[in-house]
């Protein structure tokens, strides 16, 4: 087969395309891993914020209860 052979050129083109696809798969795999890691971090952060919000809500409700109790005792 010579360098001008269309079959050789087609095989070379297919090889180049396969290399491009492999690069794309590697990049997408890394991006997917990174996105999953970010999602896990954000989920953990969200759970922490929900817990803190619930704590703050409980404290506020307790304060309101104590204020109402003081108000009733003074009345």
PDB file of N, CA and C in Angstrom:
ATOM      1  N   UNK A   1       0.852  -1.187   0.000  1.00  0.00           N
ATOM      2  CA  UNK A   1       0.000   0.000   0.000  1.00  0.00           C
ATOM      3  C   UNK A   1       0.890   1.239   0.000  1.00  0.00           C
ATOM      4  N   UNK A   2       0.552   2.174  -0.818  1.00  0.00           N
ATOM      5  CA  UNK A   2       1.323   3.414  -0.891  1.00  0.00           C
ATOM      6  C   UNK A   2       0.656   4.488  -0.057  1.00  0.00           C
ATOM      7  N   UNK A   3       1.372   5.589   0.133  1.00  0.00           N
ATOM      8  CA  UNK A   3       0.852   6.694   0.934  1.00  0.00           C
ATOM      9  C   UNK A   3      -0.376   7.323   0.299  1.00  0.00           C
ATOM     10  N   UNK A   4      -0.542   7.149  -1.007  1.00  0.00           N
ATOM     11  CA  UNK A   4      -1.689   7.726  -1.714  1.00  0.00           C
ATOM     12  C   UNK A   4      -2.886   6.791  -1.745  1.00  0.00           C
ATOM     13  N   UNK A   5      -2.763   5.612  -1.178  1.00  0.00           N
ATOM     14  CA  UNK A   5      -3.824   4.613  -1.192  1.00  0.00           C
ATOM     15  C   UNK A   5      -5.018   5.116  -0.382  1.00  0.00           C
ATOM     16  N   UNK A   6      -6.215   5.160  -0.992  1.00  0.00           N
ATOM     17  CA  UNK A   6      -7.398   5.659  -0.275  1.00  0.00           C
ATOM     18  C   UNK A   6      -7.762   4.798   0.935  1.00  0.00           C
ATOM     19  N   UNK A   7      -7.505   3.501   0.855  1.00  0.00           N
ATOM     20  CA  UNK A   7      -7.807   2.628   1.990  1.00  0.00           C
ATOM     21  C   UNK A   7      -6.926   2.977   3.179  1.00  0.00           C
ATOM     22  N   UNK A   8      -5.644   3.196   2.915  1.00  0.00           N
ATOM     23  CA  UNK A   8      -4.713   3.582   3.986  1.00  0.00           C
ATOM     24  C   UNK A   8      -5.121   4.923   4.583  1.00  0.00           C
ATOM     25  N   UNK A   9      -5.537   5.837   3.732  1.00  0.00           N
ATOM     26  CA  UNK A   9      -5.980   7.155   4.213  1.00  0.00           C
ATOM     27  C   UNK A   9      -7.228   7.016   5.075  1.00  0.00           C
ATOM     28  N   UNK A  10      -8.158   6.144   4.654  1.00  0.00           N
ATOM     29  CA  UNK A  10      -9.378   5.931   5.439  1.00  0.00           C
ATOM     30  C   UNK A  10      -9.044   5.342   6.806  1.00  0.00           C
ATOM     31  N   UNK A  11      -8.123   4.373   6.825  1.00  0.00           N
ATOM     32  CA  UNK A  11      -7.716   3.772   8.093  1.00  0.00           C
ATOM     33  C   UNK A  11      -7.051   4.810   8.984  1.00  0.00           C
ATOM     34  N   UNK A  12      -6.204   5.656   8.404  1.00  0.00           N
ATOM     35  CA  UNK A  12      -5.550   6.721   9.156  1.00  0.00           C
ATOM     36  C   UNK A  12      -6.581   7.698   9.713  1.00  0.00           C
ATOM     37  N   UNK A  13      -7.563   8.052   8.896  1.00  0.00           N
ATOM     38  CA  UNK A  13      -8.629   8.961   9.342  1.00  0.00           C
ATOM     39  C   UNK A  13      -9.443   8.343  10.484  1.00  0.00           C
ATOM     40  N   UNK A  14      -9.751   7.047  10.344  1.00  0.00           N
ATOM     41  CA  UNK A  14     -10.512   6.360  11.394  1.00  0.00           C
ATOM     42  C   UNK A  14      -9.702   6.321  12.687  1.00  0.00           C
ATOM     43  N   UNK A  15      -8.406   6.043  12.577  1.00  0.00           N
ATOM     44  CA  UNK A  15      -7.542   6.032  13.758  1.00  0.00           C
ATOM     45  C   UNK A  15      -7.505   7.381  14.447  1.00  0.00           C
ATOM     46  N   UNK A  16      -7.417   8.444  13.650  1.00  0.00           N
ATOM     47  CA  UNK A  16      -7.404   9.795  14.218  1.00  0.00           C
ATOM     48  C   UNK A  16      -8.726  10.100  14.909  1.00  0.00           C
ATOM     49  N   UNK A  17      -9.821   9.666  14.301  1.00  0.00           N
ATOM     50  CA  UNK A  17     -11.144   9.905  14.891  1.00  0.00           C
ATOM     51  C   UNK A  17     -11.291   9.121  16.202  1.00  0.00           C
ATOM     52  N   UNK A  18     -10.790   7.899  16.228  1.00  0.00           N
ATOM     53  CA  UNK A  18     -10.832   7.094  17.447  1.00  0.00           C
ATOM     54  C   UNK A  18     -10.026   7.779  18.550  1.00  0.00           C
ATOM     55  N   UNK A  19      -8.866   8.315  18.208  1.00  0.00           N
ATOM     56  CA  UNK A  19      -8.059   9.042  19.195  1.00  0.00           C
ATOM     57  C   UNK A  19      -8.820  10.248  19.746  1.00  0.00           C
ATOM     58  N   UNK A  20      -9.509  10.964  18.863  1.00  0.00           N
ATOM     59  CA  UNK A  20     -10.302  12.116  19.304  1.00  0.00           C
ATOM     60  C   UNK A  20     -11.423  11.673  20.245  1.00  0.00           C
ATOM     61  N   UNK A  21     -12.080  10.569  19.886  1.00  0.00           N
ATOM     62  CA  UNK A  21     -13.168  10.067  20.727  1.00  0.00           C
ATOM     63  C   UNK A  21     -12.650   9.597  22.082  1.00  0.00           C
ATOM     64  N   UNK A  22     -11.495   8.952  22.097  1.00  0.00           N
ATOM     65  CA  UNK A  22     -10.904   8.528  23.370  1.00  0.00           C
ATOM     66  C   UNK A  22     -10.559   9.727  24.245  1.00  0.00           C
ATOM     67  N   UNK A  23     -10.035  10.773  23.642  1.00  0.00           N
ATOM     68  CA  UNK A  23      -9.750  12.002  24.398  1.00  0.00           C
ATOM     69  C   UNK A  23     -11.037  12.586  24.976  1.00  0.00           C
ATOM     70  N   UNK A  24     -12.086  12.584  24.165  1.00  0.00           N
ATOM     71  CA  UNK A  24     -13.373  13.106  24.627  1.00  0.00           C
ATOM     72  C   UNK A  24     -13.912  12.269  25.790  1.00  0.00           C
ATOM     73  N   UNK A  25     -13.812  10.956  25.677  1.00  0.00           N
ATOM     74  CA  UNK A  25     -14.272  10.078  26.755  1.00  0.00           C
ATOM     75  C   UNK A  25     -13.486  10.355  28.027  1.00  0.00           C
ATOM     76  N   UNK A  26     -12.176  10.521  27.925  1.00  0.00           N
ATOM     77  CA  UNK A  26     -11.351  10.818  29.104  1.00  0.00           C
ATOM     78  C   UNK A  26     -11.770  12.139  29.752  1.00  0.00           C
ATOM     79  N   UNK A  27     -11.969  13.153  28.912  1.00  0.00           N
ATOM     80  CA  UNK A  27     -12.365  14.464  29.449  1.00  0.00           C
ATOM     81  C   UNK A  27     -13.741  14.389  30.120  1.00  0.00           C
ATOM     82  N   UNK A  28     -14.671  13.709  29.471  1.00  0.00           N
ATOM     83  CA  UNK A  28     -16.020  13.610  30.028  1.00  0.00           C
ATOM     84  C   UNK A  28     -16.030  12.777  31.306  1.00  0.00           C
ATOM     85  N   UNK A  29     -15.213  11.748  31.355  1.00  0.00           N
ATOM     86  CA  UNK A  29     -15.111  10.936  32.565  1.00  0.00           C
ATOM     87  C   UNK A  29     -14.585  11.778  33.717  1.00  0.00           C
ATOM     88  N   UNK A  30     -13.567  12.567  33.469  1.00  0.00           N
ATOM     89  CA  UNK A  30     -12.997  13.435  34.505  1.00  0.00           C
ATOM     90  C   UNK A  30     -14.008  14.510  34.923  1.00  0.00           C
ATOM     91  N   UNK A  31     -14.697  15.084  33.956  1.00  0.00           N
ATOM     92  CA  UNK A  31     -15.707  16.101  34.267  1.00  0.00           C
ATOM     93  C   UNK A  31     -16.841  15.487  35.098  1.00  0.00           C
ATOM     94  N   UNK A  32     -17.255  14.285  34.728  1.00  0.00           N
ATOM     95  CA  UNK A  32     -18.310  13.592  35.462  1.00  0.00           C
ATOM     96  C   UNK A  32     -17.871  13.319  36.900  1.00  0.00           C
ATOM     97  N   UNK A  33     -16.635  12.879  37.082  1.00  0.00           N
ATOM     98  CA  UNK A  33     -16.108  12.621  38.426  1.00  0.00           C
ATOM     99  C   UNK A  33     -16.105  13.901  39.247  1.00  0.00           C
ATOM    100  N   UNK A  34     -15.665  14.969  38.614  1.00  0.00           N
ATOM    101  CA  UNK A  34     -15.605  16.259  39.297  1.00  0.00           C
ATOM    102  C   UNK A  34     -17.005  16.747  39.677  1.00  0.00           C
ATOM    103  N   UNK A  35     -17.949  16.586  38.776  1.00  0.00           N
ATOM    104  CA  UNK A  35     -19.320  17.015  39.049  1.00  0.00           C
ATOM    105  C   UNK A  35     -19.953  16.179  40.164  1.00  0.00           C
ATOM    106  N   UNK A  36     -19.671  14.892  40.173  1.00  0.00           N
ATOM    107  CA  UNK A  36     -20.203  14.036  41.244  1.00  0.00           C
ATOM    108  C   UNK A  36     -19.624  14.450  42.600  1.00  0.00           C
ATOM    109  N   UNK A  37     -18.341  14.753  42.608  1.00  0.00           N
ATOM    110  CA  UNK A  37     -17.694  15.191  43.848  1.00  0.00           C
ATOM    111  C   UNK A  37     -18.308  16.511  44.320  1.00  0.00           C
ATOM    112  N   UNK A  38     -18.508  17.433  43.387  1.00  0.00           N
ATOM    113  CA  UNK A  38     -19.129  18.720  43.744  1.00  0.00           C
ATOM    114  C   UNK A  38     -20.543  18.511  44.269  1.00  0.00           C
ATOM    115  N   UNK A  39     -21.274  17.606  43.634  1.00  0.00           N
ATOM    116  CA  UNK A  39     -22.638  17.329  44.069  1.00  0.00           C
ATOM    117  C   UNK A  39     -22.646  16.764  45.490  1.00  0.00           C
ATOM    118  N   UNK A  40     -21.714  15.862  45.784  1.00  0.00           N
ATOM    119  CA  UNK A  40     -21.635  15.303  47.131  1.00  0.00           C
ATOM    120  C   UNK A  40     -21.303  16.387  48.151  1.00  0.00           C
ATOM    121  N   UNK A  41     -20.378  17.278  47.807  1.00  0.00           N
ATOM    122  CA  UNK A  41     -20.013  18.357  48.722  1.00  0.00           C
ATOM    123  C   UNK A  41     -21.193  19.292  48.950  1.00  0.00           C
ATOM    124  N   UNK A  42     -21.894  19.622  47.874  1.00  0.00           N
ATOM    125  CA  UNK A  42     -23.042  20.520  48.007  1.00  0.00           C
ATOM    126  C   UNK A  42     -24.166  19.870  48.812  1.00  0.00           C
ATOM    127  N   UNK A  43     -24.358  18.576  48.622  1.00  0.00           N
ATOM    128  CA  UNK A  43     -25.390  17.871  49.397  1.00  0.00           C
ATOM    129  C   UNK A  43     -25.043  17.877  50.880  1.00  0.00           C
ATOM    130  N   UNK A  44     -23.780  17.653  51.196  1.00  0.00           N
ATOM    131  CA  UNK A  44     -23.346  17.678  52.594  1.00  0.00           C
ATOM    132  C   UNK A  44     -23.507  19.079  53.178  1.00  0.00           C
ATOM    133  N   UNK A  45     -23.132  20.090  52.395  1.00  0.00           N
ATOM    134  CA  UNK A  45     -23.277  21.476  52.855  1.00  0.00           C
ATOM    135  C   UNK A  45     -24.747  21.814  53.085  1.00  0.00           C
ATOM    136  N   UNK A  46     -25.603  21.373  52.177  1.00  0.00           N
ATOM    137  CA  UNK A  46     -27.041  21.624  52.303  1.00  0.00           C
ATOM    138  C   UNK A  46     -27.584  20.969  53.568  1.00  0.00           C
ATOM    139  N   UNK A  47     -27.172  19.730  53.824  1.00  0.00           N
ATOM    140  CA  UNK A  47     -27.641  19.035  55.028  1.00  0.00           C
ATOM    141  C   UNK A  47     -27.205  19.795  56.282  1.00  0.00           C
ATOM    142  N   UNK A  48     -25.973  20.304  56.266  1.00  0.00           N
ATOM    143  CA  UNK A  48     -25.496  21.089  57.401  1.00  0.00           C
ATOM    144  C   UNK A  48     -26.291  22.364  57.588  1.00  0.00           C
ATOM    145  N   UNK A  49     -26.592  23.032  56.489  1.00  0.00           N
ATOM    146  CA  UNK A  49     -27.369  24.274  56.570  1.00  0.00           C
ATOM    147  C   UNK A  49     -28.794  24.004  57.053  1.00  0.00           C
ATOM    148  N   UNK A  50     -29.365  22.903  56.607  1.00  0.00           N
ATOM    149  CA  UNK A  50     -30.716  22.557  57.063  1.00  0.00           C
ATOM    150  C   UNK A  50     -30.697  22.300  58.569  1.00  0.00           C
ATOM    151  N   UNK A  51     -29.675  21.594  59.038  1.00  0.00           N
ATOM    152  CA  UNK A  51     -29.567  21.313  60.481  1.00  0.00           C
ATOM    153  C   UNK A  51     -29.401  22.607  61.268  1.00  0.00           C
ATOM    154  N   UNK A  52     -28.546  23.510  60.776  1.00  0.00           N
ATOM    155  CA  UNK A  52     -28.345  24.787  61.473  1.00  0.00           C
ATOM    156  C   UNK A  52     -29.630  25.609  61.477  1.00  0.00           C
ATOM    157  N   UNK A  53     -30.352  25.583  60.373  1.00  0.00           N
ATOM    158  CA  UNK A  53     -31.610  26.318  60.278  1.00  0.00           C
ATOM    159  C   UNK A  53     -32.624  25.767  61.279  1.00  0.00           C
ATOM    160  N   UNK A  54     -32.675  24.447  61.394  1.00  0.00           N
ATOM    161  CA  UNK A  54     -33.591  23.819  62.338  1.00  0.00           C
ATOM    162  C   UNK A  54     -33.203  24.179  63.772  1.00  0.00           C
ATOM    163  N   UNK A  55     -31.907  24.204  64.064  1.00  0.00           N
ATOM    164  CA  UNK A  55     -31.436  24.602  65.391  1.00  0.00           C
ATOM    165  C   UNK A  55     -31.851  26.034  65.704  1.00  0.00           C
ATOM    166  N   UNK A  56     -31.634  26.922  64.740  1.00  0.00           N
ATOM    167  CA  UNK A  56     -31.984  28.332  64.942  1.00  0.00           C
ATOM    168  C   UNK A  56     -33.496  28.482  65.148  1.00  0.00           C
ATOM    169  N   UNK A  57     -34.271  27.738  64.375  1.00  0.00           N
ATOM    170  CA  UNK A  57     -35.730  27.813  64.508  1.00  0.00           C
ATOM    171  C   UNK A  57     -36.156  27.347  65.909  1.00  0.00           C
ATOM    172  N   UNK A  58     -35.553  26.273  66.371  1.00  0.00           N
ATOM    173  CA  UNK A  58     -35.879  25.763  67.711  1.00  0.00           C
ATOM    174  C   UNK A  58     -35.528  26.785  68.790  1.00  0.00           C
ATOM    175  N   UNK A  59     -34.387  27.426  68.640  1.00  0.00           N
ATOM    176  CA  UNK A  59     -33.981  28.441  69.623  1.00  0.00           C
ATOM    177  C   UNK A  59     -34.947  29.617  69.637  1.00  0.00           C
ATOM    178  N   UNK A  60     -35.328  30.057  68.462  1.00  0.00           N
ATOM    179  CA  UNK A  60     -36.262  31.192  68.366  1.00  0.00           C
ATOM    180  C   UNK A  60     -37.605  30.814  68.989  1.00  0.00           C
ATOM    181  N   UNK A  61     -38.076  29.600  68.692  1.00  0.00           N
ATOM    182  CA  UNK A  61     -39.339  29.157  69.280  1.00  0.00           C
ATOM    183  C   UNK A  61     -39.230  29.085  70.810  1.00  0.00           C
ATOM    184  N   UNK A  62     -38.095  28.623  71.306  1.00  0.00           N
ATOM    185  CA  UNK A  62     -37.893  28.560  72.758  1.00  0.00           C
ATOM    186  C   UNK A  62     -37.890  29.963  73.356  1.00  0.00           C
ATOM    187  N   UNK A  63     -37.238  30.909  72.692  1.00  0.00           N
ATOM    188  CA  UNK A  63     -37.214  32.302  73.167  1.00  0.00           C
ATOM    189  C   UNK A  63     -38.619  32.881  73.191  1.00  0.00           C
ATOM    190  N   UNK A  64     -39.366  32.630  72.159  1.00  0.00           N
ATOM    191  CA  UNK A  64     -40.738  33.132  72.101  1.00  0.00           C
ATOM    192  C   UNK A  64     -41.554  32.542  73.247  1.00  0.00           C
ATOM    193  N   UNK A  65     -41.368  31.257  73.492  1.00  0.00           N
ATOM    194  CA  UNK A  65     -42.080  30.607  74.604  1.00  0.00           C
ATOM    195  C   UNK A  65     -41.711  31.229  75.937  1.00  0.00           C
ATOM    196  N   UNK A  66     -40.437  31.502  76.146  1.00  0.00           N
ATOM    197  CA  UNK A  66     -40.014  32.135  77.414  1.00  0.00           C
ATOM    198  C   UNK A  66     -40.562  33.550  77.521  1.00  0.00           C
ATOM    199  N   UNK A  67     -40.551  34.302  76.425  1.00  0.00           N
ATOM    200  CA  UNK A  67     -41.101  35.667  76.452  1.00  0.00           C
ATOM    201  C   UNK A  67     -42.583  35.647  76.771  1.00  0.00           C
ATOM    202  N   UNK A  68     -43.323  34.721  76.170  1.00  0.00           N
ATOM    203  CA  UNK A  68     -44.757  34.619  76.456  1.00  0.00           C
ATOM    204  C   UNK A  68     -44.984  34.257  77.916  1.00  0.00           C
ATOM    205  N   UNK A  69     -44.144  33.381  78.429  1.00  0.00           N
ATOM    206  CA  UNK A  69     -44.268  32.983  79.832  1.00  0.00           C
ATOM    207  C   UNK A  69     -44.000  34.176  80.763  1.00  0.00           C
ATOM    208  N   UNK A  70     -42.963  34.948  80.461  1.00  0.00           N
ATOM    209  CA  UNK A  70     -42.668  36.132  81.244  1.00  0.00           C
ATOM    210  C   UNK A  70     -43.805  37.143  81.155  1.00  0.00           C
ATOM    211  N   UNK A  71     -44.360  37.280  79.984  1.00  0.00           N
ATOM    212  CA  UNK A  71     -45.443  38.236  79.784  1.00  0.00           C
ATOM    213  C   UNK A  71     -46.666  37.816  80.614  1.00  0.00           C
ATOM    214  N   UNK A  72     -46.961  36.530  80.636  1.00  0.00           N
ATOM    215  CA  UNK A  72     -48.130  36.042  81.406  1.00  0.00           C
ATOM    216  C   UNK A  72     -47.872  36.199  82.912  1.00  0.00           C
ATOM    217  N   UNK A  73     -46.622  35.983  83.340  1.00  0.00           N
ATOM    218  CA  UNK A  73     -46.313  36.120  84.764  1.00  0.00           C
ATOM    219  C   UNK A  73     -46.395  37.572  85.227  1.00  0.00           C
ATOM    220  N   UNK A  74     -46.136  38.513  84.333  1.00  0.00           N
ATOM    221  CA  UNK A  74     -46.164  39.937  84.679  1.00  0.00           C
ATOM    222  C   UNK A  74     -47.568  40.523  84.586  1.00  0.00           C
ATOM    223  N   UNK A  75     -48.421  39.802  83.907  1.00  0.00           N
ATOM    224  CA  UNK A  75     -49.786  40.344  83.712  1.00  0.00           C
ATOM    225  C   UNK A  75     -50.680  40.152  84.888  1.00  0.00           C
TER     226      UNK A  75
END
